[in-house]
Protein backbone atom coordinates (compact mmCIF):
# COMPACT_ATOMS: atom_id res chain seq x y z
CA MET A 1 -6.76 38.35 52.10
CA LEU A 2 -7.18 41.25 49.64
CA ARG A 3 -10.46 43.13 49.93
CA ILE A 4 -11.43 45.59 47.18
CA ASP A 5 -14.41 47.78 48.04
CA PHE A 6 -16.73 47.37 45.08
CA THR A 7 -20.08 49.01 44.26
CA ALA A 8 -22.58 48.15 41.52
CA GLU A 9 -21.20 51.06 39.49
CA ASP A 10 -17.67 49.72 39.93
CA LEU A 11 -18.85 46.36 38.64
CA ASN A 12 -20.03 47.99 35.42
CA ARG A 13 -16.62 49.65 35.00
CA LEU A 14 -14.71 46.38 35.32
CA ARG A 15 -12.15 45.84 32.54
CA VAL A 16 -10.35 42.71 31.38
CA ALA A 17 -7.05 43.03 29.50
CA GLY A 18 -7.20 41.15 26.22
CA GLU A 19 -3.46 40.81 25.56
CA PRO A 20 -0.44 39.74 27.62
CA ASP A 21 1.28 42.55 29.49
CA PRO A 22 5.00 42.19 28.63
CA LEU A 23 6.34 43.85 31.77
CA TRP A 24 4.03 41.99 34.14
CA GLU A 25 5.15 38.73 32.49
CA THR A 26 8.78 39.83 32.73
CA VAL A 27 8.56 40.65 36.43
CA LEU A 28 6.53 37.57 37.33
CA SER A 29 8.85 35.30 35.34
CA LEU A 30 11.81 36.70 37.28
CA MET A 31 10.00 35.70 40.45
CA ARG A 32 9.39 32.19 39.11
CA LEU A 33 13.14 31.83 38.62
CA GLN A 34 13.58 32.64 42.31
CA ASP A 35 11.25 29.96 43.65
CA ARG A 36 10.01 26.43 42.96
CA SER A 37 6.30 27.20 42.93
CA ALA A 38 4.19 25.22 40.45
CA ALA A 39 7.17 22.95 39.81
CA LEU A 40 5.31 20.59 37.46
CA VAL A 41 4.19 23.56 35.39
CA PHE A 42 7.30 25.72 35.26
CA ASP A 43 10.36 23.56 36.01
CA PRO A 44 10.95 22.66 32.31
CA TRP A 45 10.77 26.37 31.50
CA ARG A 46 13.09 27.20 34.42
CA ARG A 47 15.74 24.75 33.23
CA GLU A 48 15.51 25.94 29.64
CA VAL A 49 15.64 29.63 30.52
CA ARG A 50 18.52 29.31 32.96
CA ALA A 51 20.54 27.52 30.29
CA ALA A 52 19.57 30.11 27.67
CA LEU A 53 20.53 32.98 29.98
CA ALA A 54 23.91 31.36 30.61
CA ARG A 55 24.54 30.87 26.88
CA ALA A 56 23.65 34.51 26.23
CA GLY A 57 25.89 35.74 29.05
CA LEU A 58 22.85 37.14 30.86
CA THR A 59 22.95 35.24 34.15
CA SER A 60 24.34 38.26 36.01
CA THR A 61 21.87 40.54 34.22
CA ALA A 62 18.97 38.42 35.44
CA ALA A 63 20.45 38.39 38.94
CA ALA A 64 20.65 42.20 38.88
CA LEU A 65 17.00 42.43 37.82
CA MET A 66 16.06 40.13 40.69
CA LEU A 67 17.34 42.77 43.10
CA VAL A 68 14.38 44.96 42.14
CA ALA A 69 11.94 42.24 41.04
CA ARG A 70 12.33 40.25 44.23
CA ARG A 71 10.03 37.42 45.17
CA ALA A 72 8.70 39.13 48.26
CA SER A 73 5.57 40.77 49.60
CA TYR A 74 6.62 43.99 47.87
CA PHE A 75 8.26 44.99 44.59
CA PRO A 76 8.30 48.46 43.00
CA ASP A 77 5.19 49.41 41.04
CA PHE A 78 7.20 51.43 38.52
CA LEU A 79 8.33 48.13 36.94
CA THR A 80 4.78 47.45 35.73
CA PRO A 81 3.31 50.68 34.32
CA GLY A 82 -0.11 50.66 32.74
CA PRO A 83 -2.65 49.17 32.65
CA GLY A 84 -3.16 48.45 28.98
CA VAL A 85 0.51 48.52 27.94
CA THR A 86 1.00 45.63 25.52
CA ASP A 87 4.14 46.85 23.73
CA LEU A 88 7.46 46.14 25.44
CA ASP A 89 9.23 49.25 24.14
CA VAL A 90 6.37 51.51 25.22
CA GLY A 91 6.40 49.89 28.64
CA ILE A 92 10.15 50.27 29.06
CA ASP A 93 9.92 53.93 28.03
CA LEU A 94 7.33 54.43 30.78
CA VAL A 95 9.58 52.69 33.30
CA LEU A 96 12.53 54.90 32.35
CA GLY A 97 10.33 57.99 32.58
CA THR A 98 9.42 57.34 36.21
CA PRO A 99 9.85 60.55 38.25
CA LYS A 100 12.91 60.59 40.53
CA ARG A 101 10.79 61.07 43.64
CA ARG A 102 8.79 57.95 42.88
CA LEU A 103 11.92 55.94 42.09
CA ALA A 104 13.46 56.96 45.39
CA HIS A 105 10.27 56.26 47.36
CA GLU A 106 9.57 52.82 45.94
CA LEU A 107 13.17 51.63 46.07
CA SER A 108 13.51 52.86 49.66
CA LYS A 109 10.59 50.58 50.57
CA LEU A 110 12.43 47.68 48.96
CA PHE A 111 15.76 48.57 50.61
CA PRO A 112 14.98 50.49 53.83
CA GLN A 113 18.60 50.19 54.95
CA ALA A 114 21.71 50.68 52.79
CA PRO A 115 20.85 49.73 49.18
CA PRO A 116 23.41 48.20 46.80
CA PRO A 117 25.29 50.86 44.78
CA GLY A 118 23.39 50.15 41.56
CA ILE A 119 20.04 50.44 43.33
CA ARG A 120 21.13 53.67 45.00
CA ARG A 121 22.03 55.21 41.62
CA LEU A 122 18.73 54.02 40.18
CA GLY A 123 16.86 55.62 43.08
CA GLU A 124 18.67 58.87 42.35
CA GLY A 125 17.43 58.77 38.76
CA ASP A 126 20.94 58.40 37.36
CA PRO A 127 20.56 58.33 33.53
CA ARG A 128 23.11 55.55 33.06
CA ALA A 129 21.48 53.41 35.75
CA LEU A 130 18.10 53.84 34.06
CA GLU A 131 19.61 53.01 30.68
CA LEU A 132 21.10 49.81 32.10
CA LEU A 133 17.73 48.88 33.62
CA GLY A 134 16.02 49.30 30.26
CA GLU A 135 18.67 47.24 28.47
CA ALA A 136 18.45 44.51 31.11
CA LEU A 137 14.66 44.30 30.93
CA ARG A 138 14.73 44.09 27.14
CA ARG A 139 17.50 41.49 26.91
CA TYR A 140 15.99 39.33 29.64
CA TYR A 141 12.56 39.50 28.00
CA GLU A 142 13.97 38.35 24.66
CA VAL A 143 15.38 35.20 26.28
CA ALA A 144 12.90 34.35 29.04
CA VAL A 145 9.53 35.55 27.73
CA ALA A 146 9.53 36.23 23.97
CA PRO A 147 10.27 32.62 22.90
CA TYR A 148 7.22 31.49 24.86
CA LEU A 149 4.78 34.08 23.54
CA PRO A 150 2.83 31.56 21.41
CA ALA A 151 1.94 29.61 24.56
CA ILE A 152 1.29 32.78 26.55
CA ARG A 153 -0.93 34.28 23.86
CA ALA A 154 -2.85 31.03 23.46
CA ALA A 155 -3.52 30.90 27.20
CA VAL A 156 -4.63 34.54 27.25
CA ALA A 157 -6.90 33.98 24.25
CA ALA A 158 -8.52 30.96 25.89
CA ASP A 159 -9.04 32.93 29.09
CA ARG A 160 -10.48 35.87 27.15
CA SER A 161 -12.97 33.55 25.46
CA VAL A 162 -14.20 32.29 28.83
CA ARG A 163 -14.58 35.83 30.19
CA ALA A 164 -16.35 37.07 27.05
CA GLU A 165 -18.85 34.22 27.14
CA ALA A 166 -19.54 34.86 30.83
CA ALA A 167 -20.04 38.59 30.26
CA LEU A 168 -22.27 37.98 27.23
CA THR A 169 -24.57 35.53 28.98
CA SER A 170 -24.63 36.93 32.52
CA GLY A 171 -23.32 40.50 32.40
CA PRO A 172 -20.67 42.02 34.68
CA GLN A 173 -21.65 39.82 37.62
CA GLY A 174 -21.26 36.72 35.46
CA LEU A 175 -17.87 37.97 34.32
CA LEU A 176 -16.77 38.31 37.91
CA ASP A 177 -18.21 34.93 38.87
CA SER A 178 -16.28 33.30 36.01
CA TYR A 179 -13.07 33.71 37.99
CA GLY A 180 -14.38 31.13 40.45
CA THR A 181 -12.42 30.78 43.65
CA VAL A 182 -9.67 33.14 42.46
CA VAL A 183 -11.85 36.22 42.90
CA GLY A 184 -15.16 36.32 44.79
CA ARG A 185 -17.74 38.66 46.23
CA ASP A 186 -18.34 39.39 49.89
CA GLU A 187 -21.26 41.79 50.31
CA GLU A 188 -19.90 45.02 48.74
CA ALA A 189 -16.33 43.92 48.08
CA LEU A 190 -14.16 41.71 45.96
CA VAL A 191 -12.17 39.29 48.08
CA THR A 192 -9.28 37.08 47.08
CA ASP A 193 -6.43 35.20 48.68
CA TYR A 194 -3.35 37.32 49.18
CA PRO A 195 0.00 36.94 50.98
CA PHE A 196 -1.14 39.45 53.62
CA ASP A 197 -4.27 41.38 54.59
CA ARG A 198 -4.90 44.63 52.75
CA GLY A 199 -7.78 46.71 51.47
CA LEU A 200 -8.25 48.82 48.34
CA ARG A 201 -10.87 51.45 47.50
CA LEU A 202 -11.66 52.06 43.84
CA ASP A 203 -13.30 55.47 44.39
CA GLY A 204 -14.87 55.40 40.94
CA ARG A 205 -11.76 54.19 39.12
CA PRO A 206 -12.10 51.17 36.80
CA LEU A 207 -10.41 47.98 37.96
CA THR A 208 -8.44 46.23 35.22
CA ILE A 209 -7.99 42.47 35.55
CA VAL A 210 -4.82 41.33 33.76
CA PRO A 211 -4.19 37.67 32.89
CA GLY A 212 -0.80 36.54 34.19
CA PHE A 213 0.86 33.47 32.66
CA PHE A 214 3.67 33.45 35.23
CA CYS A 215 1.37 34.44 38.10
CA VAL A 216 0.82 31.53 40.49
CA ARG A 217 -1.56 30.67 43.32
CA THR A 218 -2.92 34.11 44.19
CA PRO A 219 -3.62 37.34 42.29
CA VAL A 220 -1.20 40.27 42.47
CA ALA A 221 -2.13 43.94 42.86
CA LEU A 222 -0.12 47.14 42.71
CA ALA A 223 1.16 48.22 46.10
CA ASP A 224 0.30 51.92 45.74
CA PRO A 225 -3.47 52.37 46.23
CA HIS A 226 -3.37 55.71 44.39
CA LEU A 227 -2.30 54.19 41.06
CA ASP A 228 -4.83 52.97 38.50
CA PRO A 229 -6.02 49.72 40.12
CA VAL A 230 -4.83 46.48 38.54
CA LEU A 231 -5.39 42.89 39.60
CA VAL A 232 -3.27 40.23 37.89
CA HIS A 233 -4.90 36.82 38.06
CA PRO A 234 -3.09 33.49 37.51
CA LEU A 235 -3.80 31.74 34.22
CA SER A 236 -2.58 28.46 35.70
CA PRO A 237 -1.26 26.72 32.56
CA ALA A 238 -1.41 22.94 32.71
CA PRO A 239 1.75 20.86 33.19
CA GLY A 240 3.36 20.04 29.86
CA TRP A 241 2.46 23.39 28.26
CA LEU A 242 6.00 23.93 27.00
CA ALA A 243 6.17 20.60 25.18
CA ARG A 244 2.67 21.03 23.76
CA SER A 245 3.46 24.51 22.51
CA ARG A 246 6.65 23.32 20.86
CA ARG A 247 4.87 20.34 19.33
CA GLU A 248 2.11 22.52 17.89
CA ALA A 249 4.64 24.94 16.43
CA THR A 250 6.77 22.16 14.96
CA GLU A 251 3.77 20.45 13.34
CA GLN A 252 3.34 23.56 11.20
CA LEU A 253 6.86 23.32 9.80
CA PRO A 254 7.38 21.74 6.36
CA VAL A 255 10.15 19.56 7.81
CA ALA A 256 7.53 17.80 9.96
CA GLN A 257 5.99 16.41 6.78
CA LEU A 258 9.39 15.04 5.78
CA ILE A 259 10.70 13.41 8.96
CA GLY A 260 7.59 13.34 11.17
CA PRO A 261 6.45 15.76 13.88
CA SER A 262 8.24 14.07 16.79
CA ARG A 263 11.64 13.98 15.10
CA ALA A 264 11.11 17.49 13.77
CA MET A 265 10.42 18.59 17.34
CA VAL A 266 13.64 16.93 18.55
CA LEU A 267 15.64 18.49 15.71
CA ASP A 268 14.12 21.91 16.38
CA THR A 269 15.07 21.69 20.06
CA LEU A 270 18.68 20.73 19.30
CA GLU A 271 19.65 24.23 18.23
CA HIS A 272 21.63 24.08 21.49
CA PRO A 273 23.37 21.02 23.02
CA ARG A 274 21.09 18.87 25.16
CA THR A 275 21.28 15.44 26.75
CA THR A 276 18.70 12.74 26.07
CA THR A 277 17.25 13.29 29.54
CA GLU A 278 16.91 17.04 28.97
CA LEU A 279 15.24 16.43 25.61
CA ALA A 280 12.81 13.94 27.11
CA GLU A 281 11.83 16.33 29.90
CA LEU A 282 11.41 19.30 27.57
CA LEU A 283 9.37 17.43 24.98
CA GLN A 284 7.40 15.18 27.33
CA LEU A 285 8.72 12.04 25.64
CA THR A 286 10.07 8.89 27.27
CA PRO A 287 13.88 8.62 27.36
CA PRO A 288 13.92 5.47 25.15
CA THR A 289 11.75 7.18 22.52
CA THR A 290 13.91 10.30 22.65
CA SER A 291 17.06 8.21 22.31
CA ARG A 292 15.66 6.43 19.24
CA HIS A 293 14.79 9.74 17.59
CA ALA A 294 18.28 11.10 18.31
CA THR A 295 19.86 7.94 16.87
CA VAL A 296 17.85 8.16 13.63
CA LEU A 297 18.67 11.86 13.25
CA ARG A 298 22.36 11.18 13.91
CA GLU A 299 22.46 8.37 11.34
CA ALA A 300 20.89 10.77 8.82
CA GLY A 301 23.64 13.31 9.48
CA LEU A 302 21.24 15.83 11.00
CA VAL A 303 22.53 15.53 14.58
CA GLU A 304 25.92 14.90 16.14
CA SER A 305 26.47 13.44 19.60
CA ARG A 306 29.48 14.17 21.78
CA ARG A 307 30.42 12.75 25.15
CA GLN A 308 31.44 15.10 27.97
CA GLY A 309 32.38 13.11 31.04
CA ASN A 310 29.58 10.64 31.67
CA ARG A 311 27.01 12.61 29.67
CA VAL A 312 26.27 12.65 25.94
CA PHE A 313 25.12 15.90 24.34
CA HIS A 314 23.24 16.08 21.05
CA LEU A 315 23.42 19.08 18.70
CA ARG A 316 22.15 19.86 15.21
CA THR A 317 24.71 19.66 12.42
CA ARG A 318 24.97 22.19 9.60
CA LEU A 319 22.80 19.87 7.53
CA GLY A 320 20.26 19.81 10.36
CA ASP A 321 20.31 23.61 10.54
CA ALA A 322 19.81 23.84 6.78
CA LEU A 323 16.87 21.43 6.90
CA MET A 324 15.19 23.34 9.74
CA ASN A 325 15.75 26.67 8.02
CA GLY A 326 14.60 25.46 4.60
CA ALA A 327 17.99 26.31 3.08
CA LEU A 328 19.11 22.98 1.65
């Protein structure tokens, strides 16, 4: 249980972030790749991202990031500077500007014994180690988070609308109550589920509540009580969000008017080789329906299918690429 001492004045200083925080989403998404939590919600994303990381040659980069963004009761606060940082480059600059003493302190908590060589150099503030960290964060973000920003932003916007309505009709207390069972009040404190028991005093500092798309089950707070207080709350996207987001995006494409939204969605997804089963899972279609779409697209010369062992992979042809890119 997390208990945040909270006065009436603190309630009036409560802030809600209105945009996704790129580094919080980066760190939390790394944790989702290390577990199976919310499998119905995130497994399609997990499969897609792991394949994309492998294609980009970034599997080892993601594994290196997981050394510092570990799914555990503690990860270094310097990875998520802020609050209020909504630009990735600004956030990474803040990460790389972390004082050496803080780097050493936070990484020593993560690795109290002998750290791996790369972590040791990072804790020493080695310029090259910091440069590699920045490059890794940016490249991972571009593969694992950036392609899903439409869905993330839509979820944040919907959440913001709920919070704004609650604050408008019932004031700060109504805003707090709108979080339901995620965050509650207990006399003069905020209380919420947490992996372990801890307390936090605001001491006049505003608490910023940050919506977290990849946050699951319980909120997350910074470990250091002396930093500007932040509480990341789970947005809890519904199962099928990935397919819905892709469908909504595809319906806006001109090609959807030509071949229909479902086939346009299949063609859009076949930028990389996928089996019928993978397509069906990603797009929330039945395998027979997906197979029919792939057959029609193949007969039109927009998709080619190749057998590898006992599996058949579908991929867009040059004609399919030209149609999707409007370059016929």
